[in-house]
Amino acid sequence: MIKRAVYNGLRSDLRGHLDYVSSQLALLTLTEEHRKAVRGFAGNDSGD
């Protein structure tokens, strides 16, 4: 996903790239891995 964002940034204007990155970050927050990491960071879980 990071590589794709970098390549997108090379081909897009700033506004388009920020829109793309914003949408990708929104998708990442929907994953179980993200929820687990947030719980671990908040101290509610070990994060493992």
C-alpha atoms as a PDB file:
ATOM      1  CA  MET A   1       0.000   0.000   0.000  1.00  0.00           C
ATOM      2  CA  ILE A   2       2.870   2.388   0.756  1.00  0.00           C
ATOM      3  CA  LYS A   3       4.489   1.792  -2.634  1.00  0.00           C
ATOM      4  CA  ARG A   4       1.201   2.452  -4.367  1.00  0.00           C
ATOM      5  CA  ALA A   5       0.774   5.712  -2.436  1.00  0.00           C
ATOM      6  CA  VAL A   6       4.274   6.847  -3.399  1.00  0.00           C
ATOM      7  CA  TYR A   7       3.702   6.048  -7.069  1.00  0.00           C
ATOM      8  CA  ASN A   8       0.339   7.798  -6.932  1.00  0.00           C
ATOM      9  CA  GLY A   9       2.053  10.866  -5.490  1.00  0.00           C
ATOM     10  CA  LEU A  10       4.435  10.972  -8.422  1.00  0.00           C
ATOM     11  CA  ARG A  11       1.554  11.010 -10.906  1.00  0.00           C
ATOM     12  CA  SER A  12      -0.960  13.218  -9.089  1.00  0.00           C
ATOM     13  CA  ASP A  13      -1.381  16.779  -8.019  1.00  0.00           C
ATOM     14  CA  LEU A  14      -1.293  17.489  -4.285  1.00  0.00           C
ATOM     15  CA  ARG A  15      -5.057  17.559  -3.788  1.00  0.00           C
ATOM     16  CA  GLY A  16      -5.561  14.290  -5.657  1.00  0.00           C
ATOM     17  CA  HIS A  17      -2.773  12.603  -3.746  1.00  0.00           C
ATOM     18  CA  LEU A  18      -4.085  13.756  -0.370  1.00  0.00           C
ATOM     19  CA  ASP A  19      -7.534  12.459  -1.292  1.00  0.00           C
ATOM     20  CA  TYR A  20      -6.017   9.109  -2.227  1.00  0.00           C
ATOM     21  CA  VAL A  21      -3.965   8.806   0.962  1.00  0.00           C
ATOM     22  CA  SER A  22      -6.936   9.862   3.071  1.00  0.00           C
ATOM     23  CA  SER A  23      -9.146   7.174   1.551  1.00  0.00           C
ATOM     24  CA  GLN A  24      -6.455   4.522   2.061  1.00  0.00           C
ATOM     25  CA  LEU A  25      -6.011   5.473   5.709  1.00  0.00           C
ATOM     26  CA  ALA A  26      -9.765   5.248   6.217  1.00  0.00           C
ATOM     27  CA  LEU A  27      -9.699   1.705   4.824  1.00  0.00           C
ATOM     28  CA  LEU A  28      -6.831   0.719   7.098  1.00  0.00           C
ATOM     29  CA  THR A  29      -8.799   1.708  10.193  1.00  0.00           C
ATOM     30  CA  LEU A  30     -11.372  -0.949   9.309  1.00  0.00           C
ATOM     31  CA  THR A  31      -8.947  -3.853   9.687  1.00  0.00           C
ATOM     32  CA  GLU A  32      -8.757  -6.148  12.695  1.00  0.00           C
ATOM     33  CA  GLU A  33      -5.008  -5.542  12.844  1.00  0.00           C
ATOM     34  CA  HIS A  34      -5.623  -1.814  13.337  1.00  0.00           C
ATOM     35  CA  ARG A  35      -8.212  -2.392  16.055  1.00  0.00           C
ATOM     36  CA  LYS A  36      -5.822  -4.741  17.843  1.00  0.00           C
ATOM     37  CA  ALA A  37      -2.992  -2.195  17.647  1.00  0.00           C
ATOM     38  CA  VAL A  38      -5.222   0.567  19.026  1.00  0.00           C
ATOM     39  CA  ARG A  39      -6.287  -1.642  21.937  1.00  0.00           C
ATOM     40  CA  GLY A  40      -2.640  -2.448  22.634  1.00  0.00           C
ATOM     41  CA  PHE A  41      -1.620   1.196  22.464  1.00  0.00           C
ATOM     42  CA  ALA A  42      -4.446   2.219  24.780  1.00  0.00           C
ATOM     43  CA  GLY A  43      -3.321  -0.425  27.262  1.00  0.00           C
ATOM     44  CA  ASN A  44      -6.514  -2.474  26.971  1.00  0.00           C
ATOM     45  CA  ASP A  45      -4.739  -5.438  25.409  1.00  0.00           C
ATOM     46  CA  SER A  46      -1.221  -6.702  24.835  1.00  0.00           C
ATOM     47  CA  GLY A  47      -1.534  -6.067  21.079  1.00  0.00           C
ATOM     48  CA  ASP A  48      -0.157  -9.530  20.255  1.00  0.00           C
END
